[in-house]
Structure formats: structure tokens, C-alpha cells
Amino acid sequence: MKVNVIDMASKVSGTITIKDEIFCLEPRKDILHRTVLYQLAKKRSGTHKVKNRSEITATTKKMYKQKGTGGARHGSKKVPQFRGGGRAFGPTPRDHSIKLTKKFRKLALRHALSTKQQEGNLVILSEAKLDKPKTSDLVKNLQKLEVTSALFIEASEFDKNFELASMNIPKIDILPVQGMNVYDMLKRDKLFITKAALKEIEGRLYE
């Protein structure tokens, strides 16, 4: 499939062929959903912790006599019924991550790219470079493209001027191909991929 290549001034600078096996699949929401859950679960720290009954410091002496008080029978202040007592069945540190095969994760990336292409939100850039590290210049370029939310993907390291200019713009993210993931692609409206990054993506995902 042939698509236009544009520059940062939003002018068409040529065309390029993208692989149908990566960018023209019929998107499957179930695959994307499972992968987003996988990523979000992996990000969870899992360090939530409460003290259970064995970890509470309190007297073990019987607080009041067994009978005749009209109240329930208690022999410890560590029980959950009392303020400051141990929590019953509370959270403990654990790993929230789930497993997905490498083959499935690659498939999810292809479906995410196909989703952006189908929506008309995939843009191929000739290069992501600026003459000066000025945020205002990048904002003007984005306004020409009518973009308020976007992810830029570069082959390896971004041009320093472009990287500095993008840091202060809300909802504008940058990632190298190595860090490309489904969650970040779906989180932003537009997906910009440089020509250099496109070659790496196709080499990585084409089977």
C-alpha cells in the first residue's frame, strides 16, 4: 500500500510503500485489550501492604472477664474488630503481571498500527528534525497539521532540537522503535513514524 510522506512543514515530499501484513490488518479489539491489560498490570508496583494480626504489637492479657459484661468474649486486642487491630485478609506485596507470548505481543503491535492506519491517523514523516530547540516552532508545525495529541516514533535517538522542543507540549510523546508499545500508540490520536523508523518496524514485525 502506498502512502504519502510529509515533512515537518506539512508538505508532501514523496510516497512510500508500507507492508499490508503490518499496516492493513482488520484490527481486533480483543488482542489490543489483552495487551493493554498486560502492560498496565506490569506497571503496577504491587507493594501495597497492611499489618495482619501477627504483626500488631498489643497486650495479650485478657482485657476483661469472660462473663457478666454483656459484651462479646475477647482475649486479645490484636483482633480486627478493635481499632488498631490487625487487618483480616488484607493486601500483601505481590506481582500483578500476567504473561503474553512474544509472538502475541508482536501481533498486537501489528493490530495497533493497522488501527491507526484504518482510522487515518498514521502519518509517515521524512524526518523529525528542527533547526532550533524552540517549542513554539514545533507547536506551529503541529497546528498546521491540526494535531493536538500525537506519538512520534524514531529509529533510534531523536534529533536533540526536536526532543527538547517536544518536552513541554502536553499530549505529545516521543519514543524510539525499541520502546514502541500498544498502550502508548492507542493513548494518542495521531501516530507519526519517520522513514528510518518505518524500515526498522517492518524489519522487526514482518514475518
N, C-alpha and C. Protein backbone atom coordinates (compact mmCIF):
# COMPACT_ATOMS: atom_id res chain seq x y z
N MET A 1 0.85 -1.20 0.00
CA MET A 1 0.00 0.00 0.00
C MET A 1 0.88 1.25 0.00
N LYS A 2 0.55 2.21 -0.86
CA LYS A 2 1.33 3.43 -0.95
C LYS A 2 0.69 4.54 -0.12
N VAL A 3 1.54 5.27 0.62
CA VAL A 3 1.07 6.42 1.40
C VAL A 3 2.00 7.59 1.17
N ASN A 4 1.50 8.78 1.44
CA ASN A 4 2.31 9.98 1.28
C ASN A 4 3.31 10.13 2.42
N VAL A 5 4.44 10.74 2.10
CA VAL A 5 5.44 11.10 3.11
C VAL A 5 5.43 12.61 3.21
N ILE A 6 5.32 13.14 4.45
CA ILE A 6 5.31 14.59 4.63
C ILE A 6 6.51 15.03 5.47
N ASP A 7 6.83 16.31 5.40
CA ASP A 7 7.89 16.85 6.25
C ASP A 7 7.27 17.63 7.41
N MET A 8 8.11 18.21 8.25
CA MET A 8 7.61 18.92 9.43
C MET A 8 6.81 20.18 9.08
N ALA A 9 6.95 20.65 7.85
CA ALA A 9 6.18 21.82 7.41
C ALA A 9 4.85 21.39 6.81
N SER A 10 4.50 20.12 6.95
CA SER A 10 3.24 19.51 6.48
C SER A 10 3.12 19.48 4.95
N LYS A 11 4.28 19.51 4.27
CA LYS A 11 4.28 19.41 2.81
C LYS A 11 4.60 17.99 2.38
N VAL A 12 3.92 17.51 1.34
CA VAL A 12 4.16 16.16 0.82
C VAL A 12 5.51 16.14 0.12
N SER A 13 6.38 15.23 0.56
CA SER A 13 7.73 15.16 -0.03
C SER A 13 7.94 13.89 -0.83
N GLY A 14 6.89 13.08 -0.99
CA GLY A 14 7.01 11.86 -1.78
C GLY A 14 6.02 10.80 -1.30
N THR A 15 6.22 9.59 -1.78
CA THR A 15 5.37 8.47 -1.36
C THR A 15 6.26 7.29 -0.93
N ILE A 16 5.66 6.38 -0.19
CA ILE A 16 6.39 5.19 0.27
C ILE A 16 5.41 4.03 0.37
N THR A 17 5.91 2.84 0.16
CA THR A 17 5.07 1.64 0.25
C THR A 17 5.19 1.03 1.63
N ILE A 18 4.04 0.80 2.27
CA ILE A 18 4.05 0.14 3.58
C ILE A 18 3.48 -1.27 3.42
N LYS A 19 3.93 -2.17 4.26
CA LYS A 19 3.55 -3.58 4.12
C LYS A 19 2.12 -3.82 4.63
N ASP A 20 1.33 -4.46 3.77
CA ASP A 20 -0.06 -4.77 4.13
C ASP A 20 -0.15 -5.70 5.33
N GLU A 21 0.86 -6.59 5.49
CA GLU A 21 0.85 -7.56 6.57
C GLU A 21 1.01 -6.92 7.95
N ILE A 22 1.44 -5.65 7.95
CA ILE A 22 1.64 -4.93 9.22
C ILE A 22 0.63 -3.81 9.41
N PHE A 23 0.32 -3.10 8.34
CA PHE A 23 -0.50 -1.90 8.46
C PHE A 23 -1.92 -2.03 7.92
N CYS A 24 -2.24 -3.16 7.34
CA CYS A 24 -3.57 -3.28 6.72
C CYS A 24 -4.36 -4.48 7.23
N LEU A 25 -4.11 -4.90 8.45
CA LEU A 25 -4.90 -5.97 9.04
C LEU A 25 -6.25 -5.44 9.50
N GLU A 26 -7.22 -6.34 9.65
CA GLU A 26 -8.50 -5.95 10.24
C GLU A 26 -8.32 -5.94 11.76
N PRO A 27 -8.33 -4.75 12.38
CA PRO A 27 -8.00 -4.67 13.82
C PRO A 27 -8.92 -5.51 14.69
N ARG A 28 -8.32 -6.20 15.64
CA ARG A 28 -9.08 -7.00 16.61
C ARG A 28 -8.96 -6.38 17.99
N LYS A 29 -10.11 -5.94 18.50
CA LYS A 29 -10.12 -5.26 19.80
C LYS A 29 -9.72 -6.18 20.95
N ASP A 30 -10.02 -7.47 20.81
CA ASP A 30 -9.69 -8.39 21.89
C ASP A 30 -8.18 -8.52 22.08
N ILE A 31 -7.45 -8.51 20.98
CA ILE A 31 -5.98 -8.60 21.05
C ILE A 31 -5.42 -7.33 21.67
N LEU A 32 -5.92 -6.19 21.24
CA LEU A 32 -5.45 -4.91 21.78
C LEU A 32 -5.79 -4.80 23.27
N HIS A 33 -6.98 -5.25 23.64
CA HIS A 33 -7.42 -5.17 25.03
C HIS A 33 -6.53 -6.01 25.94
N ARG A 34 -6.25 -7.23 25.52
CA ARG A 34 -5.40 -8.11 26.32
C ARG A 34 -4.00 -7.53 26.49
N THR A 35 -3.48 -6.90 25.45
CA THR A 35 -2.13 -6.36 25.50
C THR A 35 -2.06 -5.12 26.40
N VAL A 36 -3.09 -4.28 26.33
CA VAL A 36 -3.13 -3.10 27.21
C VAL A 36 -3.21 -3.54 28.67
N LEU A 37 -4.04 -4.54 28.95
CA LEU A 37 -4.13 -5.08 30.32
C LEU A 37 -2.77 -5.62 30.76
N TYR A 38 -2.08 -6.31 29.87
CA TYR A 38 -0.75 -6.86 30.16
C TYR A 38 0.23 -5.75 30.54
N GLN A 39 0.20 -4.65 29.76
CA GLN A 39 1.13 -3.54 30.04
C GLN A 39 0.80 -2.83 31.35
N LEU A 40 -0.49 -2.58 31.58
CA LEU A 40 -0.88 -1.86 32.80
C LEU A 40 -0.63 -2.71 34.04
N ALA A 41 -0.86 -4.02 33.93
CA ALA A 41 -0.61 -4.91 35.06
C ALA A 41 0.88 -4.96 35.37
N LYS A 42 1.69 -4.93 34.34
CA LYS A 42 3.15 -4.99 34.53
C LYS A 42 3.68 -3.72 35.19
N LYS A 43 2.99 -2.60 34.97
CA LYS A 43 3.43 -1.32 35.55
C LYS A 43 3.12 -1.22 37.04
N ARG A 44 2.18 -2.03 37.54
CA ARG A 44 1.78 -1.94 38.94
C ARG A 44 2.93 -2.36 39.85
N SER A 45 3.17 -1.59 40.89
CA SER A 45 4.29 -1.89 41.78
C SER A 45 4.01 -3.09 42.67
N GLY A 46 2.75 -3.28 43.09
CA GLY A 46 2.39 -4.42 43.92
C GLY A 46 2.99 -4.37 45.31
N THR A 47 3.27 -3.15 45.81
CA THR A 47 3.90 -3.02 47.13
C THR A 47 2.89 -2.68 48.23
N HIS A 48 1.59 -2.72 47.92
CA HIS A 48 0.58 -2.42 48.93
C HIS A 48 0.63 -3.45 50.05
N LYS A 49 0.54 -2.98 51.27
CA LYS A 49 0.74 -3.87 52.42
C LYS A 49 0.00 -3.34 53.63
N VAL A 50 -0.64 -4.23 54.38
CA VAL A 50 -1.24 -3.88 55.67
C VAL A 50 -0.72 -4.89 56.71
N LYS A 51 -0.84 -4.54 57.98
CA LYS A 51 -0.40 -5.45 59.04
C LYS A 51 -1.52 -6.43 59.39
N ASN A 52 -1.15 -7.69 59.44
CA ASN A 52 -2.14 -8.67 59.89
C ASN A 52 -2.01 -8.86 61.41
N ARG A 53 -2.79 -9.75 61.94
CA ARG A 53 -2.88 -9.90 63.40
C ARG A 53 -1.53 -10.26 64.04
N SER A 54 -0.72 -11.04 63.35
CA SER A 54 0.56 -11.46 63.92
C SER A 54 1.60 -10.34 63.97
N GLU A 55 1.34 -9.24 63.22
CA GLU A 55 2.32 -8.15 63.15
C GLU A 55 1.96 -6.98 64.07
N ILE A 56 0.84 -7.05 64.75
CA ILE A 56 0.41 -5.97 65.64
C ILE A 56 1.04 -6.14 67.02
N THR A 57 1.49 -5.00 67.57
CA THR A 57 2.01 -5.01 68.94
C THR A 57 0.89 -4.58 69.89
N ALA A 58 0.44 -5.48 70.72
CA ALA A 58 -0.63 -5.17 71.68
C ALA A 58 -0.57 -6.20 72.80
N THR A 59 -1.23 -5.87 73.90
CA THR A 59 -1.22 -6.78 75.04
C THR A 59 -1.91 -8.10 74.71
N THR A 60 -1.39 -9.14 75.30
CA THR A 60 -2.04 -10.44 75.12
C THR A 60 -2.83 -10.83 76.38
N LYS A 61 -2.85 -9.92 77.33
CA LYS A 61 -3.61 -10.16 78.55
C LYS A 61 -5.11 -10.03 78.25
N LYS A 62 -5.91 -10.87 78.89
CA LYS A 62 -7.35 -10.79 78.68
C LYS A 62 -7.84 -9.45 79.21
N MET A 63 -8.58 -8.70 78.38
CA MET A 63 -8.91 -7.31 78.68
C MET A 63 -9.98 -7.17 79.76
N TYR A 64 -10.90 -8.08 79.78
CA TYR A 64 -11.95 -8.06 80.80
C TYR A 64 -12.44 -9.49 81.02
N LYS A 65 -13.18 -9.68 82.05
CA LYS A 65 -13.58 -11.05 82.40
C LYS A 65 -14.48 -11.65 81.32
N GLN A 66 -14.48 -12.94 81.30
CA GLN A 66 -15.19 -13.68 80.25
C GLN A 66 -16.70 -13.47 80.33
N LYS A 67 -17.24 -13.49 81.53
CA LYS A 67 -18.70 -13.44 81.67
C LYS A 67 -19.17 -12.22 82.46
N GLY A 68 -20.41 -11.90 82.28
CA GLY A 68 -21.04 -10.88 83.10
C GLY A 68 -20.95 -9.46 82.59
N THR A 69 -20.28 -9.22 81.48
CA THR A 69 -20.15 -7.83 80.98
C THR A 69 -21.25 -7.47 79.99
N GLY A 70 -21.91 -8.48 79.43
CA GLY A 70 -22.92 -8.22 78.40
C GLY A 70 -22.31 -8.03 77.03
N GLY A 71 -20.98 -8.03 76.97
CA GLY A 71 -20.30 -7.86 75.68
C GLY A 71 -19.76 -9.17 75.16
N ALA A 72 -19.18 -9.12 73.96
CA ALA A 72 -18.61 -10.32 73.35
C ALA A 72 -17.37 -10.76 74.12
N ARG A 73 -17.03 -12.02 73.98
CA ARG A 73 -15.88 -12.57 74.68
C ARG A 73 -14.61 -12.28 73.88
N HIS A 74 -13.65 -11.56 74.46
CA HIS A 74 -12.40 -11.24 73.77
C HIS A 74 -11.21 -11.54 74.67
N GLY A 75 -10.14 -11.98 74.05
CA GLY A 75 -8.94 -12.25 74.82
C GLY A 75 -7.71 -11.61 74.20
N SER A 76 -7.89 -10.78 73.16
CA SER A 76 -6.75 -10.14 72.50
C SER A 76 -7.18 -8.82 71.88
N LYS A 77 -6.28 -7.84 71.97
CA LYS A 77 -6.56 -6.54 71.34
C LYS A 77 -6.09 -6.50 69.89
N LYS A 78 -5.51 -7.62 69.43
CA LYS A 78 -4.97 -7.65 68.07
C LYS A 78 -6.02 -7.99 67.02
N VAL A 79 -7.20 -8.34 67.46
CA VAL A 79 -8.22 -8.80 66.51
C VAL A 79 -8.72 -7.65 65.63
N PRO A 80 -9.20 -7.93 64.43
CA PRO A 80 -9.65 -6.87 63.50
C PRO A 80 -10.82 -6.03 64.03
N GLN A 81 -11.60 -6.58 64.99
CA GLN A 81 -12.76 -5.84 65.49
C GLN A 81 -12.38 -4.55 66.22
N PHE A 82 -11.17 -4.51 66.78
CA PHE A 82 -10.75 -3.34 67.55
C PHE A 82 -9.95 -2.36 66.69
N ARG A 83 -10.08 -1.08 67.04
CA ARG A 83 -9.30 -0.05 66.37
C ARG A 83 -7.81 -0.31 66.63
N GLY A 84 -7.03 -0.30 65.55
CA GLY A 84 -5.60 -0.59 65.70
C GLY A 84 -5.29 -2.06 65.61
N GLY A 85 -6.32 -2.89 65.45
CA GLY A 85 -6.10 -4.33 65.34
C GLY A 85 -5.60 -4.71 63.96
N GLY A 86 -5.19 -5.95 63.83
CA GLY A 86 -4.68 -6.43 62.55
C GLY A 86 -5.77 -6.55 61.51
N ARG A 87 -5.43 -6.29 60.28
CA ARG A 87 -6.39 -6.39 59.18
C ARG A 87 -6.58 -7.86 58.79
N ALA A 88 -7.82 -8.24 58.57
CA ALA A 88 -8.11 -9.61 58.15
C ALA A 88 -8.10 -9.70 56.63
N PHE A 89 -7.31 -10.59 56.09
CA PHE A 89 -7.24 -10.83 54.65
C PHE A 89 -6.91 -9.56 53.86
N GLY A 90 -6.02 -8.74 54.40
CA GLY A 90 -5.62 -7.51 53.72
C GLY A 90 -4.62 -7.77 52.61
N PRO A 91 -4.32 -6.74 51.79
CA PRO A 91 -3.37 -6.91 50.69
C PRO A 91 -1.94 -7.11 51.18
N THR A 92 -1.19 -7.91 50.45
CA THR A 92 0.22 -8.13 50.73
C THR A 92 1.00 -7.97 49.43
N PRO A 93 2.30 -7.66 49.50
CA PRO A 93 3.07 -7.47 48.26
C PRO A 93 2.98 -8.67 47.32
N ARG A 94 2.74 -8.38 46.05
CA ARG A 94 2.67 -9.46 45.07
C ARG A 94 2.92 -8.92 43.67
N ASP A 95 3.19 -9.81 42.79
CA ASP A 95 3.44 -9.46 41.39
C ASP A 95 2.13 -9.51 40.62
N HIS A 96 1.72 -8.39 40.04
CA HIS A 96 0.45 -8.32 39.32
C HIS A 96 0.57 -8.70 37.85
N SER A 97 1.78 -8.86 37.37
CA SER A 97 1.99 -9.06 35.94
C SER A 97 1.38 -10.37 35.45
N ILE A 98 0.97 -10.35 34.19
CA ILE A 98 0.44 -11.55 33.54
C ILE A 98 1.36 -11.87 32.36
N LYS A 99 1.22 -13.06 31.80
CA LYS A 99 2.14 -13.47 30.74
C LYS A 99 1.46 -13.41 29.38
N LEU A 100 2.22 -12.90 28.39
CA LEU A 100 1.82 -12.96 26.99
C LEU A 100 3.04 -13.39 26.19
N THR A 101 2.85 -14.23 25.22
CA THR A 101 3.98 -14.69 24.42
C THR A 101 4.52 -13.56 23.54
N LYS A 102 5.78 -13.69 23.17
CA LYS A 102 6.40 -12.69 22.30
C LYS A 102 5.67 -12.61 20.96
N LYS A 103 5.23 -13.76 20.46
CA LYS A 103 4.50 -13.79 19.19
C LYS A 103 3.19 -13.01 19.29
N PHE A 104 2.49 -13.14 20.42
CA PHE A 104 1.23 -12.43 20.62
C PHE A 104 1.48 -10.92 20.72
N ARG A 105 2.55 -10.52 21.41
CA ARG A 105 2.85 -9.09 21.56
C ARG A 105 3.20 -8.46 20.21
N LYS A 106 3.89 -9.20 19.37
CA LYS A 106 4.19 -8.70 18.02
C LYS A 106 2.91 -8.54 17.20
N LEU A 107 2.02 -9.52 17.34
CA LEU A 107 0.74 -9.46 16.64
C LEU A 107 -0.06 -8.24 17.09
N ALA A 108 -0.02 -7.95 18.39
CA ALA A 108 -0.74 -6.80 18.94
C ALA A 108 -0.19 -5.49 18.37
N LEU A 109 1.13 -5.40 18.20
CA LEU A 109 1.73 -4.20 17.60
C LEU A 109 1.24 -4.01 16.18
N ARG A 110 1.14 -5.11 15.43
CA ARG A 110 0.65 -5.00 14.05
C ARG A 110 -0.81 -4.54 14.02
N HIS A 111 -1.61 -5.03 14.97
CA HIS A 111 -3.02 -4.62 15.01
C HIS A 111 -3.16 -3.16 15.46
N ALA A 112 -2.28 -2.71 16.34
CA ALA A 112 -2.32 -1.30 16.77
C ALA A 112 -1.95 -0.38 15.61
N LEU A 113 -0.92 -0.76 14.85
CA LEU A 113 -0.53 0.02 13.67
C LEU A 113 -1.63 0.02 12.62
N SER A 114 -2.27 -1.13 12.44
CA SER A 114 -3.37 -1.23 11.47
C SER A 114 -4.56 -0.37 11.90
N THR A 115 -4.79 -0.30 13.21
CA THR A 115 -5.88 0.53 13.73
C THR A 115 -5.65 2.00 13.37
N LYS A 116 -4.43 2.47 13.58
CA LYS A 116 -4.10 3.87 13.27
C LYS A 116 -4.23 4.13 11.76
N GLN A 117 -3.78 3.17 10.96
CA GLN A 117 -3.87 3.32 9.51
C GLN A 117 -5.33 3.35 9.06
N GLN A 118 -6.14 2.46 9.61
CA GLN A 118 -7.56 2.39 9.24
C GLN A 118 -8.30 3.68 9.63
N GLU A 119 -7.93 4.25 10.78
CA GLU A 119 -8.57 5.49 11.24
C GLU A 119 -8.08 6.73 10.48
N GLY A 120 -7.04 6.57 9.70
CA GLY A 120 -6.46 7.72 9.00
C GLY A 120 -5.57 8.57 9.90
N ASN A 121 -5.10 7.95 10.98
CA ASN A 121 -4.28 8.68 11.96
C ASN A 121 -2.81 8.28 11.92
N LEU A 122 -2.40 7.59 10.85
CA LEU A 122 -0.99 7.23 10.69
C LEU A 122 -0.34 8.18 9.70
N VAL A 123 0.77 8.79 10.11
CA VAL A 123 1.48 9.74 9.26
C VAL A 123 2.95 9.32 9.16
N ILE A 124 3.45 9.26 7.92
CA ILE A 124 4.86 8.94 7.71
C ILE A 124 5.62 10.25 7.50
N LEU A 125 6.62 10.49 8.34
CA LEU A 125 7.44 11.70 8.27
C LEU A 125 8.74 11.41 7.54
N SER A 126 9.19 12.39 6.76
CA SER A 126 10.50 12.23 6.12
C SER A 126 11.59 12.19 7.19
N GLU A 127 11.51 13.09 8.18
CA GLU A 127 12.40 13.09 9.34
C GLU A 127 11.83 14.00 10.42
N ALA A 128 12.13 13.69 11.66
CA ALA A 128 11.65 14.50 12.79
C ALA A 128 12.80 15.38 13.27
N LYS A 129 12.98 16.50 12.59
CA LYS A 129 14.09 17.40 12.92
C LYS A 129 13.62 18.85 12.93
N LEU A 130 14.27 19.66 13.75
CA LEU A 130 14.01 21.10 13.82
C LEU A 130 15.34 21.84 13.76
N ASP A 131 15.29 23.07 13.23
CA ASP A 131 16.52 23.87 13.16
C ASP A 131 16.93 24.40 14.52
N LYS A 132 15.93 24.68 15.36
CA LYS A 132 16.21 25.22 16.69
C LYS A 132 15.38 24.46 17.73
N PRO A 133 15.87 24.40 18.96
CA PRO A 133 15.11 23.70 20.02
C PRO A 133 14.02 24.59 20.61
N LYS A 134 13.12 25.07 19.74
CA LYS A 134 12.08 26.00 20.19
C LYS A 134 10.72 25.31 20.18
N THR A 135 10.09 25.29 21.34
CA THR A 135 8.77 24.67 21.47
C THR A 135 7.74 25.36 20.58
N SER A 136 7.85 26.69 20.47
CA SER A 136 6.88 27.45 19.67
C SER A 136 6.92 27.05 18.20
N ASP A 137 8.12 26.71 17.69
CA ASP A 137 8.24 26.28 16.29
C ASP A 137 7.52 24.96 16.08
N LEU A 138 7.71 24.03 17.01
CA LEU A 138 7.05 22.73 16.88
C LEU A 138 5.53 22.87 17.03
N VAL A 139 5.10 23.75 17.93
CA VAL A 139 3.66 23.98 18.11
C VAL A 139 3.04 24.50 16.81
N LYS A 140 3.73 25.42 16.14
CA LYS A 140 3.22 25.96 14.86
C LYS A 140 3.10 24.85 13.81
N ASN A 141 4.12 23.98 13.76
CA ASN A 141 4.07 22.87 12.80
C ASN A 141 2.91 21.92 13.10
N LEU A 142 2.69 21.66 14.38
CA LEU A 142 1.59 20.77 14.77
C LEU A 142 0.23 21.41 14.48
N GLN A 143 0.16 22.72 14.63
CA GLN A 143 -1.09 23.43 14.32
C GLN A 143 -1.42 23.35 12.82
N LYS A 144 -0.38 23.40 12.00
CA LYS A 144 -0.60 23.25 10.55
C LYS A 144 -1.15 21.87 10.22
N LEU A 145 -0.69 20.89 11.00
CA LEU A 145 -1.15 19.52 10.79
C LEU A 145 -2.46 19.22 11.53
N GLU A 146 -2.95 20.21 12.29
CA GLU A 146 -4.16 20.08 13.10
C GLU A 146 -4.02 18.92 14.10
N VAL A 147 -2.88 18.91 14.79
CA VAL A 147 -2.58 17.83 15.74
C VAL A 147 -2.50 18.40 17.15
N THR A 148 -3.23 17.79 18.08
CA THR A 148 -3.16 18.18 19.49
C THR A 148 -2.71 17.03 20.38
N SER A 149 -2.74 15.81 19.84
CA SER A 149 -2.35 14.63 20.61
C SER A 149 -1.64 13.67 19.66
N ALA A 150 -0.36 13.37 19.94
CA ALA A 150 0.40 12.55 18.98
C ALA A 150 1.55 11.82 19.64
N LEU A 151 1.93 10.71 19.01
CA LEU A 151 3.13 9.96 19.39
C LEU A 151 4.06 9.94 18.19
N PHE A 152 5.32 10.34 18.41
CA PHE A 152 6.33 10.32 17.35
C PHE A 152 7.27 9.14 17.60
N ILE A 153 7.52 8.36 16.56
CA ILE A 153 8.42 7.21 16.67
C ILE A 153 9.61 7.41 15.73
N GLU A 154 10.81 7.30 16.28
CA GLU A 154 12.05 7.47 15.53
C GLU A 154 12.85 6.17 15.59
N ALA A 155 13.78 6.00 14.64
CA ALA A 155 14.55 4.76 14.55
C ALA A 155 15.36 4.50 15.81
N SER A 156 16.10 5.49 16.26
CA SER A 156 16.90 5.29 17.48
C SER A 156 16.79 6.55 18.34
N GLU A 157 17.81 7.43 18.27
CA GLU A 157 17.75 8.66 19.05
C GLU A 157 17.10 9.77 18.25
N PHE A 158 16.32 10.59 18.94
CA PHE A 158 15.68 11.73 18.30
C PHE A 158 16.68 12.87 18.12
N ASP A 159 16.40 13.69 17.11
CA ASP A 159 17.14 14.93 16.95
C ASP A 159 17.02 15.74 18.23
N LYS A 160 18.14 16.23 18.76
CA LYS A 160 18.14 16.90 20.07
C LYS A 160 17.21 18.11 20.08
N ASN A 161 17.20 18.88 19.01
CA ASN A 161 16.31 20.05 18.94
C ASN A 161 14.84 19.64 19.03
N PHE A 162 14.50 18.57 18.30
CA PHE A 162 13.11 18.08 18.31
C PHE A 162 12.74 17.56 19.70
N GLU A 163 13.65 16.83 20.31
CA GLU A 163 13.40 16.26 21.63
C GLU A 163 13.15 17.35 22.66
N LEU A 164 13.99 18.37 22.66
CA LEU A 164 13.85 19.48 23.62
C LEU A 164 12.56 20.27 23.37
N ALA A 165 12.24 20.48 22.09
CA ALA A 165 11.04 21.25 21.75
C ALA A 165 9.76 20.54 22.14
N SER A 166 9.78 19.20 22.14
CA SER A 166 8.56 18.43 22.42
C SER A 166 8.30 18.22 23.90
N MET A 167 9.31 18.47 24.74
CA MET A 167 9.20 18.12 26.15
C MET A 167 8.09 18.87 26.89
N ASN A 168 7.82 20.11 26.50
CA ASN A 168 6.86 20.93 27.24
C ASN A 168 5.47 20.98 26.60
N ILE A 169 5.24 20.16 25.59
CA ILE A 169 3.94 20.19 24.92
C ILE A 169 3.06 19.06 25.46
N PRO A 170 1.92 19.37 26.05
CA PRO A 170 1.04 18.32 26.58
C PRO A 170 0.55 17.39 25.48
N LYS A 171 0.43 16.11 25.80
CA LYS A 171 -0.11 15.09 24.91
C LYS A 171 0.74 14.85 23.65
N ILE A 172 2.01 15.25 23.70
CA ILE A 172 2.95 14.95 22.62
C ILE A 172 4.06 14.08 23.21
N ASP A 173 4.15 12.84 22.73
CA ASP A 173 5.14 11.89 23.24
C ASP A 173 6.11 11.49 22.14
N ILE A 174 7.31 11.09 22.55
CA ILE A 174 8.29 10.57 21.59
C ILE A 174 8.83 9.24 22.10
N LEU A 175 9.08 8.31 21.18
CA LEU A 175 9.61 7.00 21.54
C LEU A 175 10.51 6.48 20.44
N PRO A 176 11.60 5.79 20.80
CA PRO A 176 12.37 5.07 19.78
C PRO A 176 11.63 3.78 19.42
N VAL A 177 12.01 3.18 18.30
CA VAL A 177 11.35 1.94 17.86
C VAL A 177 11.42 0.87 18.95
N GLN A 178 12.56 0.82 19.67
CA GLN A 178 12.72 -0.20 20.72
C GLN A 178 11.68 -0.06 21.83
N GLY A 179 11.17 1.14 22.06
CA GLY A 179 10.20 1.36 23.12
C GLY A 179 8.76 1.40 22.64
N MET A 180 8.55 1.14 21.36
CA MET A 180 7.21 1.19 20.78
C MET A 180 6.30 0.16 21.46
N ASN A 181 5.10 0.59 21.85
CA ASN A 181 4.18 -0.32 22.53
C ASN A 181 2.72 0.05 22.23
N VAL A 182 1.84 -0.90 22.45
CA VAL A 182 0.43 -0.75 22.09
C VAL A 182 -0.24 0.35 22.91
N TYR A 183 0.01 0.37 24.21
CA TYR A 183 -0.66 1.33 25.09
C TYR A 183 -0.38 2.78 24.68
N ASP A 184 0.88 3.10 24.45
CA ASP A 184 1.24 4.48 24.08
C ASP A 184 0.71 4.85 22.71
N MET A 185 0.63 3.88 21.80
CA MET A 185 0.10 4.18 20.46
C MET A 185 -1.40 4.49 20.52
N LEU A 186 -2.12 3.72 21.32
CA LEU A 186 -3.57 3.93 21.40
C LEU A 186 -3.94 5.14 22.25
N LYS A 187 -3.03 5.54 23.14
CA LYS A 187 -3.31 6.65 24.06
C LYS A 187 -3.38 7.99 23.32
N ARG A 188 -2.61 8.13 22.24
CA ARG A 188 -2.58 9.39 21.47
C ARG A 188 -3.36 9.25 20.17
N ASP A 189 -3.90 10.38 19.70
CA ASP A 189 -4.74 10.36 18.50
C ASP A 189 -3.95 10.04 17.24
N LYS A 190 -2.84 10.76 17.01
CA LYS A 190 -2.05 10.60 15.79
C LYS A 190 -0.78 9.81 16.07
N LEU A 191 -0.34 9.07 15.07
CA LEU A 191 0.91 8.33 15.17
C LEU A 191 1.82 8.76 14.02
N PHE A 192 2.95 9.37 14.37
CA PHE A 192 3.93 9.81 13.38
C PHE A 192 5.12 8.85 13.40
N ILE A 193 5.45 8.30 12.24
CA ILE A 193 6.59 7.39 12.12
C ILE A 193 7.54 7.94 11.07
N THR A 194 8.81 8.07 11.40
CA THR A 194 9.79 8.55 10.42
C THR A 194 10.11 7.44 9.43
N LYS A 195 10.66 7.81 8.27
CA LYS A 195 11.00 6.81 7.26
C LYS A 195 12.03 5.81 7.79
N ALA A 196 12.99 6.33 8.56
CA ALA A 196 14.01 5.45 9.14
C ALA A 196 13.39 4.47 10.13
N ALA A 197 12.42 4.96 10.93
CA ALA A 197 11.75 4.09 11.90
C ALA A 197 10.88 3.06 11.19
N LEU A 198 10.28 3.45 10.07
CA LEU A 198 9.41 2.53 9.33
C LEU A 198 10.19 1.29 8.87
N LYS A 199 11.42 1.50 8.41
CA LYS A 199 12.24 0.37 7.97
C LYS A 199 12.51 -0.58 9.13
N GLU A 200 12.80 -0.02 10.29
CA GLU A 200 13.08 -0.86 11.47
C GLU A 200 11.82 -1.61 11.93
N ILE A 201 10.69 -0.91 11.90
CA ILE A 201 9.43 -1.54 12.32
C ILE A 201 9.09 -2.72 11.41
N GLU A 202 9.22 -2.51 10.09
CA GLU A 202 8.90 -3.57 9.14
C GLU A 202 9.89 -4.74 9.28
N GLY A 203 11.15 -4.42 9.56
CA GLY A 203 12.13 -5.48 9.76
C GLY A 203 11.86 -6.28 11.03
N ARG A 204 11.30 -5.60 12.02
CA ARG A 204 11.04 -6.24 13.30
C ARG A 204 9.74 -7.04 13.32
N LEU A 205 8.71 -6.55 12.59
CA LEU A 205 7.38 -7.16 12.67
C LEU A 205 7.00 -8.00 11.47
N TYR A 206 7.75 -7.88 10.38
CA TYR A 206 7.39 -8.63 9.17
C TYR A 206 7.87 -10.06 9.30
N GLU A 207 7.00 -11.00 9.07
CA GLU A 207 7.35 -12.42 9.16
C GLU A 207 7.05 -13.10 7.83
